[in-house]
Protein backbone atom coordinates (compact mmCIF):
# COMPACT_ATOMS: atom_id res chain seq x y z
CA UNK A 1 56.98 59.52 208.50
CA UNK A 2 58.33 61.14 211.62
CA UNK A 3 60.25 64.53 211.57
CA UNK A 4 63.64 62.75 212.22
CA UNK A 5 63.07 60.33 209.36
CA UNK A 6 62.23 63.26 207.01
CA UNK A 7 65.51 64.80 208.15
CA UNK A 8 67.38 61.72 207.51
CA UNK A 9 65.87 61.23 204.00
CA UNK A 10 66.70 64.89 203.04
CA UNK A 11 70.22 64.62 204.37
CA UNK A 12 70.94 61.36 202.44
CA UNK A 13 69.62 62.84 199.33
CA UNK A 14 72.47 65.52 199.49
CA UNK A 15 75.09 62.84 199.09
CA UNK A 16 75.27 62.63 195.42
CA UNK A 17 78.59 60.53 195.23
CA UNK A 18 78.25 56.76 195.24
CA UNK A 19 79.04 55.19 198.52
CA UNK A 20 82.42 53.84 197.37
CA UNK A 21 83.59 57.30 196.39
CA UNK A 22 82.80 58.96 199.72
CA UNK A 23 85.57 59.71 202.19
CA UNK A 24 85.10 57.88 205.43
CA UNK A 25 87.99 59.09 207.62
CA UNK A 26 89.80 62.11 208.71
CA UNK A 27 92.78 64.08 207.53
CA UNK A 28 95.04 66.88 208.70
CA UNK A 29 95.21 69.75 206.32
CA UNK A 30 98.28 71.96 206.26
CA UNK A 31 98.38 75.56 205.33
CA UNK A 32 98.88 74.86 201.61
CA UNK A 33 95.72 72.61 201.62
CA UNK A 34 97.62 69.29 201.50
CA UNK A 35 95.68 66.55 203.28
CA UNK A 36 97.49 63.85 205.35
CA UNK A 37 95.05 60.98 206.28
CA UNK A 38 94.96 60.25 210.03
CA UNK A 39 95.87 56.56 210.54
CA UNK A 40 95.17 54.19 213.34
CA UNK A 41 99.01 54.31 214.27
CA UNK A 42 98.76 58.20 214.55
CA UNK A 43 95.79 57.79 216.89
CA UNK A 44 97.54 55.21 219.05
CA UNK A 45 100.67 57.41 219.33
CA UNK A 46 98.57 60.32 220.38
CA UNK A 47 96.65 58.33 222.96
CA UNK A 48 99.82 56.87 224.32
CA UNK A 49 101.47 60.29 224.64
CA UNK A 50 98.44 61.68 226.50
CA UNK A 51 98.30 58.53 228.65
CA UNK A 52 102.03 58.93 229.54
CA UNK A 53 101.68 62.84 230.22
CA UNK A 54 98.72 62.36 232.64
CA UNK A 55 99.25 63.31 236.11
CA UNK A 56 96.78 62.38 238.90
CA UNK A 57 95.74 65.58 240.63
CA UNK A 58 96.80 65.88 244.21
CA UNK A 59 94.24 65.77 246.86
CA UNK A 60 94.88 69.44 247.73
CA UNK A 61 94.25 70.39 244.06
CA UNK A 62 91.23 68.25 243.93
CA UNK A 63 89.80 69.79 247.14
CA UNK A 64 90.44 73.37 245.70
CA UNK A 65 88.73 72.50 242.45
CA UNK A 66 85.63 71.08 244.37
CA UNK A 67 85.41 74.29 246.54
CA UNK A 68 85.65 76.40 243.37
CA UNK A 69 82.77 74.48 241.77
CA UNK A 70 80.60 74.98 244.95
CA UNK A 71 80.83 78.78 244.71
């Protein structure tokens, strides 16, 4: 048994709940502890908003950024 196999076996033994009872997703938790599951539609809206907000850097900005990295 390799070290990584031992780690996986140990990690799996920590999950006491049956597989069907385990949470397989993500949620937003507010200041009161209320959970709102993150849905596919929420992710799509966020990706679209980021895509629409993206601005291609100008050549001048890109050149300045490259020079800053070289220093």
